Amino acid sequence: MADIEKLTIPEYVFPSFKDFAAHTALSFVDGVGYTYQALGAEVARVQKLLRLYGIDKGDKVAILSMNTPYWGIAFFAITGMGAVAVPLLPDFHQAEVTNILVHSESKAIFVSEALAYKVRGENSVADDILMIRIDDFVPINEVTFPVVRPGVDVAEVLPDDLASIIYTSGTTGRSKGVMLSHKNVVSDAITSGKIHYMNTADRMLSVLPLSHAYENTLGLVLPLSGGASVYYPGKPATASVLLPALKKVQPTAMLTVPLIMEKIFRSNILPTLTKNKMMARVYSIPFFRKVLHRIAGKKLMATFGNKLKFFGVGGSKLDPQVEKFLYEAKFPYAIGYGLTETAPLLAGFGPANQRLYSTGKPGIGVEVKLYDVNPVTGEGEIIARGPNVMKGYYKEPELTRTVIDADGWFHTGDIGLFDKHGVLFIKGRIKNVIIGSTGENIYPEEIESVINSNAFVTESLVLEQNGKLVAMVHLNIDKIKQQYQEMIEKSQEALNEKVEELLKEVHVFVNQRVSKFSKLNLVIYQENPFEKTATQKIKRFLYT
């Protein structure tokens, strides 16, 4: 393998088109699939189309579609000819899509028929941009561009060339265009491959948005470099879609966010292990809990097809109770930590070297250290430097300078600490930290972990209001109705009373288990689910 700083996406991935020619590359779970040879041919065909419509090196081309094999074809066609991919989350509102297309100065967009209305709508840029239907790569509007260079000649792509601009609203409310170079993406894929590399024996089921750096780098670029097969459900990954897909594909690898496994644990596993008072009593004894977790883990593996070797969890912090289950169940989970700005992985561990509640060690080739360390706690801001750190925020040089210092260190905004073995532990976001009355740091994420361990809690958010700690709690109403069916059937008032009773129980439960600085003053009911980002992190700025 060449020096990682000399690799580009076409150098890293395109040799696979010949090396694994007859092997399946990208496919729907039920439907169309492409071998590596067919994938390479289709990428070349789409590049020719782009060239004939005047798209050249450095031009921005957006992608708006749910996960399909066509998404990958569009991405490799764009980046392989030196143009810049602008992936858009399918969940972006119409106004967000328009703003990003304008801000990025995209000349073209690959868009699915189902989402084309977001480009065509009022105040859109539909008349100024080439629209190509991603399902069959046919232009769907009348825009014409001057032919720059007919044919399929492709300009040389260099490691420092821009590969993609990924826009994310994050949890702070400000949309930023993260500029990732070919070197950023490929170096991070190689670093990730040191934790778990995929080859022709691997089958990946892709359920997270390809428009996010996490799935894009680790779930598309990395597996295709080694000849793995990637499958797409073709529909939103609900239980009714996911379960038959798992049975058919029998994946060896998956990438997920914590919310997926947390829902499985709280909705299916924990209720079974604590379904009556006797079971709950047995479950509270560590020895028997581990035995029960091991049994439940085998059933969970069967649900995933019994072939799983790598179950990656990233995007936000995994609930400690859920991680303890995975650990004791000997489930092949892995934890990764990173940001879009770092393409994304900074640190992680694989199934072979799990370390409970940590994010593992920094990736090979990446420097990670702490800044402004508290001498008492050993905690500090996590900063990183390496070939995977972004080029900056698009058209935002001042904003870029606030996060990348003169020595090239990217300031993540996350607080962490290292143990004596060099293993990294995440405490929380700097912007989320609440300063107590006597100056102590209070991490809302840690309190939320305790709240979320309650069987009736779906999710929670801890905030400071008027100097007091307040928890907003979203409950699983269906589960409450099922558990207390006879009582609640009487009236709506009975349900409301049970909700209030459970909130009081949560309040007492939490305050018995957190430090005196982190005790809650108030617990309130959040009727609707919290609004979330692509990686299922709650958009805190909406609730402050």
Protein backbone atom coordinates (compact mmCIF):
# COMPACT_ATOMS: atom_id res chain seq x y z
CA MET A 1 0.00 0.00 0.00
CA ALA A 2 1.35 3.42 -0.97
CA ASP A 3 1.94 6.27 1.43
CA ILE A 4 -1.54 7.23 2.66
CA GLU A 5 -0.87 10.89 1.96
CA LYS A 6 -0.42 10.10 -1.74
CA LEU A 7 -3.70 8.29 -2.20
CA THR A 8 -6.89 9.58 -3.76
CA ILE A 9 -10.35 8.00 -3.89
CA PRO A 10 -9.87 6.72 -7.48
CA GLU A 11 -6.42 5.35 -6.59
CA TYR A 12 -7.79 3.67 -3.46
CA VAL A 13 -11.10 2.27 -4.76
CA PHE A 14 -11.01 2.01 -8.55
CA PRO A 15 -8.45 -0.86 -8.73
CA SER A 16 -11.18 -2.99 -7.12
CA PHE A 17 -13.19 -2.73 -10.35
CA LYS A 18 -10.64 -5.10 -11.92
CA ASP A 19 -9.30 -6.95 -8.89
CA PHE A 20 -12.76 -8.19 -7.84
CA ALA A 21 -14.50 -7.89 -11.22
CA ALA A 22 -17.09 -10.68 -10.85
CA HIS A 23 -17.83 -10.10 -7.15
CA THR A 24 -20.91 -8.16 -5.98
CA ALA A 25 -20.03 -4.58 -5.05
CA LEU A 26 -23.25 -2.61 -4.40
CA SER A 27 -26.73 -4.10 -4.36
CA PHE A 28 -30.26 -3.70 -3.12
CA VAL A 29 -31.28 -6.39 -0.63
CA ASP A 30 -34.05 -7.29 -3.06
CA GLY A 31 -33.33 -6.15 -6.59
CA VAL A 32 -30.63 -4.57 -8.71
CA GLY A 33 -27.01 -5.29 -7.93
CA TYR A 34 -23.68 -4.35 -9.52
CA THR A 35 -20.55 -6.44 -9.73
CA TYR A 36 -17.30 -4.52 -9.35
CA GLN A 37 -16.78 -4.65 -13.11
CA ALA A 38 -20.31 -3.35 -13.78
CA LEU A 39 -19.86 -0.69 -11.14
CA GLY A 40 -16.67 0.55 -12.80
CA ALA A 41 -18.38 0.66 -16.19
CA GLU A 42 -21.34 2.60 -14.82
CA VAL A 43 -19.07 5.07 -13.04
CA ALA A 44 -17.26 5.70 -16.33
CA ARG A 45 -20.58 6.14 -18.17
CA VAL A 46 -21.84 8.68 -15.64
CA GLN A 47 -18.53 10.56 -15.78
CA LYS A 48 -18.96 10.83 -19.54
CA LEU A 49 -22.45 12.24 -19.01
CA LEU A 50 -21.13 14.84 -16.58
CA ARG A 51 -18.34 15.83 -18.96
CA LEU A 52 -20.75 16.22 -21.87
CA TYR A 53 -22.79 18.62 -19.75
CA GLY A 54 -19.72 20.69 -18.96
CA ILE A 55 -18.89 19.47 -15.46
CA ASP A 56 -15.17 19.79 -14.92
CA LYS A 57 -12.60 19.33 -12.19
CA GLY A 58 -13.45 21.39 -9.11
CA ASP A 59 -17.12 21.82 -10.02
CA LYS A 60 -19.62 21.04 -7.26
CA VAL A 61 -22.19 18.29 -7.86
CA ALA A 62 -24.81 17.53 -5.22
CA ILE A 63 -26.42 14.18 -4.35
CA LEU A 64 -29.92 14.02 -2.83
CA SER A 65 -31.17 10.47 -2.39
CA MET A 66 -31.68 7.77 0.18
CA ASN A 67 -29.10 4.96 0.25
CA THR A 68 -29.02 2.98 -2.99
CA PRO A 69 -26.30 1.52 -5.25
CA TYR A 70 -26.88 4.54 -7.49
CA TRP A 71 -25.72 6.85 -4.69
CA GLY A 72 -22.30 5.19 -4.71
CA ILE A 73 -22.11 5.33 -8.51
CA ALA A 74 -22.79 9.08 -8.45
CA PHE A 75 -20.26 9.67 -5.65
CA PHE A 76 -17.43 7.78 -7.36
CA ALA A 77 -18.22 9.34 -10.74
CA ILE A 78 -18.00 12.83 -9.23
CA THR A 79 -14.90 12.35 -7.08
CA GLY A 80 -13.15 10.11 -9.62
CA MET A 81 -13.04 12.93 -12.18
CA GLY A 82 -11.88 15.60 -9.75
CA ALA A 83 -15.29 17.23 -9.24
CA VAL A 84 -16.58 17.82 -5.71
CA ALA A 85 -19.47 15.83 -4.22
CA VAL A 86 -21.99 17.73 -2.09
CA PRO A 87 -24.01 15.04 -0.26
CA LEU A 88 -27.38 16.21 1.07
CA LEU A 89 -29.30 14.50 3.85
CA PRO A 90 -32.66 13.23 2.56
CA ASP A 91 -34.25 14.75 5.67
CA PHE A 92 -33.13 18.29 4.85
CA HIS A 93 -36.05 20.66 4.38
CA GLN A 94 -36.62 22.21 0.97
CA ALA A 95 -35.25 25.57 2.12
CA GLU A 96 -32.09 23.90 3.45
CA VAL A 97 -31.56 22.09 0.14
CA THR A 98 -31.91 25.36 -1.80
CA ASN A 99 -29.58 27.24 0.55
CA ILE A 100 -26.90 24.55 0.30
CA LEU A 101 -27.11 24.35 -3.48
CA VAL A 102 -26.69 28.12 -3.67
CA HIS A 103 -23.95 28.31 -1.03
CA SER A 104 -21.94 25.45 -2.57
CA GLU A 105 -22.46 26.82 -6.11
CA SER A 106 -23.41 23.35 -7.28
CA LYS A 107 -23.70 23.07 -11.05
CA ALA A 108 -25.60 19.78 -11.02
CA ILE A 109 -27.49 17.48 -8.70
CA PHE A 110 -28.22 13.77 -8.74
CA VAL A 111 -31.67 13.46 -7.21
CA SER A 112 -34.14 10.64 -6.70
CA GLU A 113 -37.62 11.01 -8.17
CA ALA A 114 -39.07 10.89 -4.64
CA LEU A 115 -37.03 13.89 -3.48
CA ALA A 116 -36.97 15.97 -6.67
CA TYR A 117 -39.71 18.23 -5.28
CA LYS A 118 -37.17 19.65 -2.82
CA VAL A 119 -35.18 21.00 -5.77
CA ARG A 120 -38.12 22.04 -7.94
CA GLY A 121 -40.12 23.89 -5.30
CA GLU A 122 -40.83 27.58 -4.86
CA ASN A 123 -37.70 29.79 -4.72
CA SER A 124 -35.68 26.81 -5.94
CA VAL A 125 -32.66 26.77 -8.23
CA ALA A 126 -34.19 24.22 -10.61
CA ASP A 127 -33.79 26.53 -13.60
CA ASP A 128 -30.11 27.16 -12.92
CA ILE A 129 -28.81 23.68 -12.18
CA LEU A 130 -28.59 20.43 -14.11
CA MET A 131 -30.87 17.83 -12.52
CA ILE A 132 -30.06 14.18 -13.16
CA ARG A 133 -32.42 11.45 -11.97
CA ILE A 134 -30.21 9.18 -9.92
CA ASP A 135 -32.37 6.08 -10.50
CA ASP A 136 -31.37 5.88 -14.19
CA PHE A 137 -28.92 8.79 -14.67
CA VAL A 138 -31.10 10.64 -17.14
CA PRO A 139 -31.23 14.49 -17.10
CA ILE A 140 -34.71 15.61 -16.06
CA ASN A 141 -34.69 19.33 -16.88
CA GLU A 142 -33.91 21.46 -19.89
CA VAL A 143 -30.80 23.16 -18.57
CA THR A 144 -27.94 23.05 -21.06
CA PHE A 145 -24.30 23.76 -20.37
CA PRO A 146 -21.53 24.53 -22.82
CA VAL A 147 -19.50 21.45 -23.66
CA VAL A 148 -16.10 21.89 -22.05
CA ARG A 149 -14.34 18.76 -23.21
CA PRO A 150 -16.40 16.10 -25.02
CA GLY A 151 -15.69 12.50 -24.17
CA VAL A 152 -14.42 10.83 -21.04
CA ASP A 153 -11.05 12.51 -20.51
CA VAL A 154 -10.65 12.99 -16.77
CA ALA A 155 -8.30 15.49 -15.16
CA GLU A 156 -5.64 14.21 -12.76
CA VAL A 157 -6.90 13.97 -9.19
CA LEU A 158 -4.45 14.95 -6.43
CA PRO A 159 -4.51 14.05 -2.72
CA ASP A 160 -5.13 17.62 -1.57
CA ASP A 161 -7.95 18.17 -4.07
CA LEU A 162 -11.37 18.68 -2.53
CA ALA A 163 -13.43 15.47 -2.62
CA SER A 164 -16.61 16.52 -0.85
CA ILE A 165 -18.34 19.29 1.08
CA ILE A 166 -20.54 17.82 3.77
CA TYR A 167 -23.13 20.13 5.27
CA THR A 168 -24.36 19.41 8.75
CA SER A 169 -26.57 21.39 11.07
CA GLY A 170 -25.14 19.41 13.99
CA THR A 171 -26.66 20.12 17.40
CA THR A 172 -25.75 23.81 17.53
CA GLY A 173 -28.08 25.04 14.81
CA ARG A 174 -25.49 26.53 12.46
CA SER A 175 -25.05 24.76 9.15
CA LYS A 176 -21.42 24.43 8.07
CA GLY A 177 -19.88 23.01 4.91
CA VAL A 178 -17.03 20.70 5.94
CA MET A 179 -14.40 20.48 3.19
CA LEU A 180 -12.85 17.01 2.99
CA SER A 181 -9.99 16.31 0.61
CA HIS A 182 -9.20 12.98 -1.02
CA LYS A 183 -6.35 12.61 1.46
CA ASN A 184 -8.73 13.23 4.36
CA VAL A 185 -11.16 10.52 3.27
CA VAL A 186 -8.66 7.88 2.17
CA SER A 187 -6.31 8.29 5.14
CA ASP A 188 -9.28 7.90 7.47
CA ALA A 189 -10.50 4.82 5.62
CA ILE A 190 -7.05 3.26 5.96
CA THR A 191 -6.89 4.16 9.66
CA SER A 192 -10.33 2.63 10.17
CA GLY A 193 -9.22 -0.46 8.28
CA LYS A 194 -6.52 -1.03 10.91
CA ILE A 195 -9.33 -1.59 13.40
CA HIS A 196 -11.40 -3.80 11.10
CA TYR A 197 -10.66 -4.36 7.43
CA MET A 198 -13.21 -5.86 5.06
CA ASN A 199 -12.56 -8.18 2.13
CA THR A 200 -14.50 -10.35 -0.33
CA ALA A 201 -15.81 -12.54 2.50
CA ASP A 202 -17.65 -9.56 4.01
CA ARG A 203 -21.22 -8.42 3.49
CA MET A 204 -22.25 -5.05 4.88
CA LEU A 205 -25.84 -3.92 5.40
CA SER A 206 -25.93 -0.12 5.05
CA VAL A 207 -28.64 1.65 7.08
CA LEU A 208 -27.14 5.05 7.97
CA PRO A 209 -27.23 8.01 5.54
CA LEU A 210 -24.42 7.90 2.97
CA SER A 211 -24.52 11.69 3.05
CA HIS A 212 -22.89 11.53 6.49
CA ALA A 213 -19.11 11.12 6.76
CA TYR A 214 -19.46 8.10 9.06
CA GLU A 215 -21.29 5.88 6.56
CA ASN A 216 -19.60 7.47 3.55
CA THR A 217 -16.01 6.72 4.60
CA LEU A 218 -16.45 3.56 6.69
CA GLY A 219 -19.49 2.11 4.92
CA LEU A 220 -18.67 2.83 1.27
CA VAL A 221 -15.07 3.84 0.56
CA LEU A 222 -13.46 1.38 3.00
CA PRO A 223 -15.42 -1.81 2.14
CA LEU A 224 -15.11 -1.27 -1.62
CA SER A 225 -11.34 -0.94 -1.32
CA GLY A 226 -11.16 -4.55 -0.15
CA GLY A 227 -13.80 -6.20 -2.32
CA ALA A 228 -16.63 -6.42 0.22
CA SER A 229 -20.30 -6.38 -0.80
CA VAL A 230 -22.59 -3.59 0.45
CA TYR A 231 -26.36 -4.05 0.53
CA TYR A 232 -29.12 -1.44 0.86
CA PRO A 233 -32.69 -2.12 2.08
CA GLY A 234 -34.01 0.51 -0.33
CA LYS A 235 -36.51 1.68 2.29
CA PRO A 236 -36.28 3.38 5.70
CA ALA A 237 -34.77 0.88 8.15
CA THR A 238 -37.87 0.14 10.21
CA ALA A 239 -38.17 -3.19 12.01
CA SER A 240 -40.43 -4.59 9.29
CA VAL A 241 -37.78 -3.76 6.67
CA LEU A 242 -34.65 -4.52 8.69
CA LEU A 243 -35.52 -7.98 10.04
CA PRO A 244 -36.04 -9.68 6.64
CA ALA A 245 -33.00 -7.82 5.28
CA LEU A 246 -30.84 -9.20 8.09
CA LYS A 247 -32.15 -12.69 7.43
CA LYS A 248 -31.40 -12.50 3.72
CA VAL A 249 -28.03 -10.70 3.74
CA GLN A 250 -26.63 -12.23 6.96
CA PRO A 251 -24.22 -9.29 7.26
CA THR A 252 -20.74 -9.67 8.65
CA ALA A 253 -20.51 -5.93 9.30
CA MET A 254 -22.82 -3.02 10.10
CA LEU A 255 -22.45 0.59 11.16
CA THR A 256 -25.06 2.02 13.51
CA VAL A 257 -25.74 4.85 15.94
CA PRO A 258 -26.42 4.21 19.66
CA LEU A 259 -30.17 4.80 19.34
CA ILE A 260 -30.63 1.64 17.26
CA MET A 261 -29.21 -0.76 19.85
CA GLU A 262 -30.65 1.24 22.74
CA LYS A 263 -34.14 0.78 21.29
CA ILE A 264 -33.57 -2.94 20.78
CA PHE A 265 -32.32 -3.36 24.35
CA ARG A 266 -35.08 -1.37 26.03
CA SER A 267 -37.94 -2.59 23.86
CA ASN A 268 -37.07 -6.27 23.44
CA ILE A 269 -34.25 -7.48 25.67
CA LEU A 270 -34.60 -5.75 29.06
CA PRO A 271 -38.38 -6.38 29.34
CA THR A 272 -37.76 -10.10 28.80
CA LEU A 273 -35.02 -10.22 31.42
CA THR A 274 -37.12 -8.38 34.01
CA LYS A 275 -40.65 -9.48 33.06
CA ASN A 276 -41.66 -10.30 36.64
CA LYS A 277 -40.44 -9.64 40.17
CA MET A 278 -38.54 -12.91 40.41
CA MET A 279 -36.73 -12.37 37.10
CA ALA A 280 -35.92 -8.79 38.11
CA ARG A 281 -34.48 -10.03 41.41
CA VAL A 282 -32.35 -12.63 39.64
CA TYR A 283 -31.24 -10.05 37.06
CA SER A 284 -30.01 -7.73 39.83
CA ILE A 285 -27.39 -10.34 40.89
CA PRO A 286 -24.19 -9.76 38.82
CA PHE A 287 -23.42 -13.44 38.21
CA PHE A 288 -26.89 -14.25 36.93
CA ARG A 289 -27.10 -10.98 34.99
CA LYS A 290 -24.02 -11.99 33.02
CA VAL A 291 -25.49 -15.43 32.31
CA LEU A 292 -28.76 -13.88 31.15
CA HIS A 293 -26.88 -11.36 29.02
CA ARG A 294 -24.92 -14.16 27.37
CA ILE A 295 -28.12 -16.04 26.52
CA ALA A 296 -29.77 -12.88 25.21
CA GLY A 297 -26.65 -12.08 23.20
CA LYS A 298 -26.86 -15.39 21.34
CA LYS A 299 -30.48 -14.68 20.43
CA LEU A 300 -29.50 -11.18 19.30
CA MET A 301 -26.76 -12.63 17.09
CA ALA A 302 -29.35 -14.92 15.53
CA THR A 303 -31.56 -11.91 14.80
CA PHE A 304 -28.65 -10.31 12.93
CA GLY A 305 -28.07 -13.47 10.88
CA ASN A 306 -25.44 -15.23 13.05
CA LYS A 307 -22.57 -14.09 10.80
CA LEU A 308 -21.87 -10.69 12.36
CA LYS A 309 -18.20 -9.96 13.08
CA PHE A 310 -18.25 -6.19 13.40
CA PHE A 311 -21.09 -4.04 14.79
CA GLY A 312 -19.82 -0.47 14.75
CA VAL A 313 -21.41 2.13 17.00
CA GLY A 314 -20.63 5.82 16.54
CA GLY A 315 -22.11 9.27 16.16
CA SER A 316 -22.80 9.80 19.85
CA LYS A 317 -22.17 8.16 23.22
CA LEU A 318 -23.62 4.70 23.79
CA ASP A 319 -25.72 4.32 26.93
CA PRO A 320 -23.55 2.59 29.63
CA GLN A 321 -26.26 0.07 30.55
CA VAL A 322 -26.62 -0.97 26.92
CA GLU A 323 -22.86 -1.21 26.46
CA LYS A 324 -22.53 -3.38 29.55
CA PHE A 325 -25.10 -5.73 28.02
CA LEU A 326 -23.19 -5.92 24.72
CA TYR A 327 -19.92 -6.46 26.55
CA GLU A 328 -21.22 -9.22 28.82
CA ALA A 329 -23.16 -10.78 25.96
CA LYS A 330 -19.88 -11.07 24.01
CA PHE A 331 -21.55 -9.28 21.11
CA PRO A 332 -19.02 -8.14 18.44
CA TYR A 333 -19.59 -4.44 19.01
CA ALA A 334 -17.03 -1.73 18.31
CA ILE A 335 -16.95 1.92 19.35
CA GLY A 336 -15.67 4.78 17.24
CA TYR A 337 -15.22 8.45 18.07
CA GLY A 338 -14.82 11.26 15.60
CA LEU A 339 -16.44 14.15 13.79
CA THR A 340 -17.37 15.09 10.25
CA GLU A 341 -14.40 17.47 10.39
CA THR A 342 -12.04 14.50 10.86
CA ALA A 343 -13.51 12.35 8.05
CA PRO A 344 -14.65 11.03 10.70
CA LEU A 345 -12.66 8.57 12.88
CA LEU A 346 -10.21 9.78 15.53
CA ALA A 347 -10.23 6.87 17.97
CA GLY A 348 -11.87 3.49 18.31
CA PHE A 349 -11.68 -0.16 19.24
CA GLY A 350 -12.77 -3.34 17.50
CA PRO A 351 -14.50 -6.46 18.83
CA ALA A 352 -11.15 -8.04 19.67
CA ASN A 353 -10.06 -5.30 22.10
CA GLN A 354 -13.23 -3.95 23.68
CA ARG A 355 -12.72 -1.56 26.58
CA LEU A 356 -15.92 -0.84 28.53
CA TYR A 357 -17.20 2.75 28.41
CA SER A 358 -14.23 4.01 26.38
CA THR A 359 -13.69 5.02 22.77
CA GLY A 360 -10.46 3.07 22.48
CA LYS A 361 -7.09 4.43 21.41
CA PRO A 362 -6.37 7.06 18.74
CA GLY A 363 -6.15 5.69 15.22
CA ILE A 364 -2.77 4.94 13.66
CA GLY A 365 -1.42 8.03 11.92
CA VAL A 366 -3.60 10.41 13.96
CA GLU A 367 -2.34 12.56 16.83
CA VAL A 368 -4.82 13.09 19.64
CA LYS A 369 -4.14 14.92 22.89
CA LEU A 370 -5.87 17.05 25.52
CA TYR A 371 -5.83 20.84 25.64
CA ASP A 372 -6.31 23.06 28.69
CA VAL A 373 -6.23 20.08 31.06
CA ASN A 374 -7.81 20.34 34.50
CA PRO A 375 -4.98 19.33 36.89
CA VAL A 376 -7.44 17.84 39.37
CA THR A 377 -9.61 15.71 37.07
CA GLY A 378 -7.17 15.19 34.19
CA GLU A 379 -9.91 16.21 31.78
CA GLY A 380 -9.35 18.54 28.85
CA GLU A 381 -10.55 19.41 25.38
CA ILE A 382 -9.75 16.73 22.80
CA ILE A 383 -7.67 18.13 19.95
CA ALA A 384 -6.39 16.24 16.93
CA ARG A 385 -3.91 16.60 14.09
CA GLY A 386 -3.34 14.37 11.08
CA PRO A 387 -4.05 13.72 7.39
CA ASN A 388 -7.75 13.20 8.14
CA VAL A 389 -8.37 16.71 9.51
CA MET A 390 -10.56 18.76 7.15
CA LYS A 391 -9.31 21.55 4.91
CA GLY A 392 -11.75 23.90 6.65
CA TYR A 393 -15.30 25.19 6.46
CA TYR A 394 -16.37 26.21 2.96
CA LYS A 395 -16.33 30.01 2.53
CA GLU A 396 -15.79 30.41 6.29
CA PRO A 397 -12.08 31.21 6.86
CA GLU A 398 -12.74 32.97 10.17
CA LEU A 399 -14.82 30.09 11.50
CA THR A 400 -12.12 27.68 10.35
CA ARG A 401 -9.49 29.60 12.33
CA THR A 402 -11.57 29.22 15.50
CA VAL A 403 -11.27 25.42 15.35
CA ILE A 404 -7.90 24.79 13.62
CA ASP A 405 -5.01 26.55 15.30
CA ALA A 406 -1.76 27.77 13.76
CA ASP A 407 -0.07 24.41 14.42
CA GLY A 408 -2.78 22.44 12.63
CA TRP A 409 -4.55 21.12 15.73
CA PHE A 410 -8.31 20.72 15.33
CA HIS A 411 -10.21 21.61 18.49
CA THR A 412 -13.12 19.16 18.74
CA GLY A 413 -15.13 20.89 21.45
CA ASP A 414 -15.36 17.55 23.27
CA ILE A 415 -14.04 16.93 26.77
CA GLY A 416 -12.20 13.72 27.48
CA LEU A 417 -9.43 12.06 29.44
CA PHE A 418 -6.84 9.35 28.85
CA ASP A 419 -6.17 6.49 31.23
CA LYS A 420 -2.65 5.22 31.93
CA HIS A 421 -2.89 2.89 28.92
CA GLY A 422 -3.63 5.70 26.48
CA VAL A 423 -7.31 4.78 26.14
CA LEU A 424 -9.62 7.74 25.52
CA PHE A 425 -12.82 8.37 27.49
CA ILE A 426 -15.36 10.99 26.41
CA LYS A 427 -17.02 13.11 29.10
CA GLY A 428 -19.19 15.41 27.01
CA ARG A 429 -19.38 18.53 24.84
CA ILE A 430 -17.82 21.76 26.09
CA LYS A 431 -20.90 23.67 24.96
CA ASN A 432 -23.12 21.29 26.93
CA VAL A 433 -21.18 21.44 30.18
CA ILE A 434 -23.11 23.10 32.99
CA ILE A 435 -21.05 24.97 35.57
CA GLY A 436 -22.35 24.33 39.09
CA SER A 437 -22.79 26.94 41.81
CA THR A 438 -19.35 26.20 43.24
CA GLY A 439 -17.58 25.94 39.86
CA GLU A 440 -17.77 22.19 39.29
CA ASN A 441 -18.34 20.75 35.81
CA ILE A 442 -21.67 18.96 35.36
CA TYR A 443 -21.98 16.75 32.28
CA PRO A 444 -25.63 16.44 31.22
CA GLU A 445 -24.86 13.39 29.05
CA GLU A 446 -23.87 11.42 32.16
CA ILE A 447 -27.10 12.31 33.96
CA GLU A 448 -29.10 11.44 30.86
CA SER A 449 -27.48 7.98 30.82
CA VAL A 450 -28.86 7.34 34.30
CA ILE A 451 -32.32 8.63 33.35
CA ASN A 452 -32.40 6.52 30.19
CA SER A 453 -31.70 3.34 32.14
CA ASN A 454 -35.31 3.45 33.35
CA ALA A 455 -37.35 0.89 31.42
CA PHE A 456 -40.11 3.39 30.62
CA VAL A 457 -37.82 6.19 29.41
CA THR A 458 -37.21 6.50 25.67
CA GLU A 459 -34.88 9.51 25.77
CA SER A 460 -34.09 12.55 27.88
CA LEU A 461 -32.41 15.94 27.88
CA VAL A 462 -30.85 17.69 30.88
CA LEU A 463 -30.62 21.48 30.82
CA GLU A 464 -29.94 24.37 33.12
CA GLN A 465 -32.86 26.73 33.68
CA ASN A 466 -32.54 29.69 36.02
CA GLY A 467 -29.62 28.08 37.80
CA LYS A 468 -31.42 24.77 38.31
CA LEU A 469 -30.97 21.36 36.68
CA VAL A 470 -34.04 20.31 34.74
CA ALA A 471 -34.62 16.99 32.95
CA MET A 472 -37.01 16.75 30.02
CA VAL A 473 -38.10 13.11 29.73
CA HIS A 474 -39.85 11.38 26.83
CA LEU A 475 -41.61 8.22 27.97
CA ASN A 476 -42.66 5.08 26.11
CA ILE A 477 -46.42 5.56 26.44
CA ASP A 478 -47.25 2.33 24.61
CA LYS A 479 -45.19 0.34 27.08
CA ILE A 480 -46.81 2.12 30.02
CA LYS A 481 -50.27 1.29 28.67
CA GLN A 482 -49.27 -2.33 28.17
CA GLN A 483 -47.75 -2.67 31.64
CA TYR A 484 -50.61 -0.98 33.47
CA GLN A 485 -53.41 -1.88 31.08
CA GLU A 486 -56.18 -2.51 33.60
CA MET A 487 -55.56 0.70 35.51
CA ILE A 488 -55.13 2.96 32.47
CA GLU A 489 -58.13 1.62 30.56
CA LYS A 490 -60.35 3.41 33.06
CA SER A 491 -59.54 6.94 31.85
CA GLN A 492 -57.05 9.37 30.38
CA GLU A 493 -56.72 10.80 33.84
CA ALA A 494 -55.40 7.46 35.08
CA LEU A 495 -52.71 7.53 32.38
CA ASN A 496 -51.72 11.08 33.30
CA GLU A 497 -51.43 10.07 36.94
CA LYS A 498 -49.21 7.11 36.05
CA VAL A 499 -46.98 9.39 33.93
CA GLU A 500 -46.58 11.78 36.87
CA GLU A 501 -45.83 8.86 39.19
CA LEU A 502 -43.13 7.54 36.84
CA LEU A 503 -41.54 11.00 36.52
CA LYS A 504 -41.31 11.21 40.30
CA GLU A 505 -39.74 7.74 40.41
CA VAL A 506 -37.18 8.81 37.80
CA HIS A 507 -36.41 11.93 39.83
CA VAL A 508 -35.73 9.94 43.00
CA PHE A 509 -33.86 7.18 41.13
CA VAL A 510 -31.48 9.63 39.45
CA ASN A 511 -30.74 11.74 42.50
CA GLN A 512 -29.79 8.61 44.43
CA ARG A 513 -27.16 7.76 41.81
CA VAL A 514 -25.47 11.03 40.82
CA SER A 515 -23.12 13.33 42.69
CA LYS A 516 -24.54 16.07 44.89
CA PHE A 517 -23.62 18.62 42.19
CA SER A 518 -25.62 16.73 39.53
CA LYS A 519 -28.91 16.25 41.38
CA LEU A 520 -32.02 17.24 39.45
CA ASN A 521 -34.29 20.02 40.65
CA LEU A 522 -37.13 19.21 38.31
CA VAL A 523 -38.23 16.42 35.96
CA ILE A 524 -40.81 17.35 33.32
CA TYR A 525 -42.63 15.35 30.68
CA GLN A 526 -41.63 15.78 27.04
CA GLU A 527 -44.66 14.61 25.07
CA ASN A 528 -43.09 14.37 21.60
CA PRO A 529 -39.77 12.77 20.62
CA PHE A 530 -36.83 15.19 20.53
CA GLU A 531 -35.74 16.47 17.12
CA LYS A 532 -32.46 14.87 16.09
CA THR A 533 -29.52 15.12 13.71
CA ALA A 534 -28.57 12.51 11.10
CA THR A 535 -26.62 10.55 13.72
CA GLN A 536 -29.61 10.68 16.08
CA LYS A 537 -28.16 13.22 18.49
CA ILE A 538 -30.75 15.50 20.05
CA LYS A 539 -30.63 19.06 18.72
CA ARG A 540 -30.07 20.65 22.11
CA PHE A 541 -30.17 24.21 20.80
CA LEU A 542 -33.89 23.79 20.07
CA TYR A 543 -34.67 23.24 23.75
CA THR A 544 -32.53 25.84 25.48
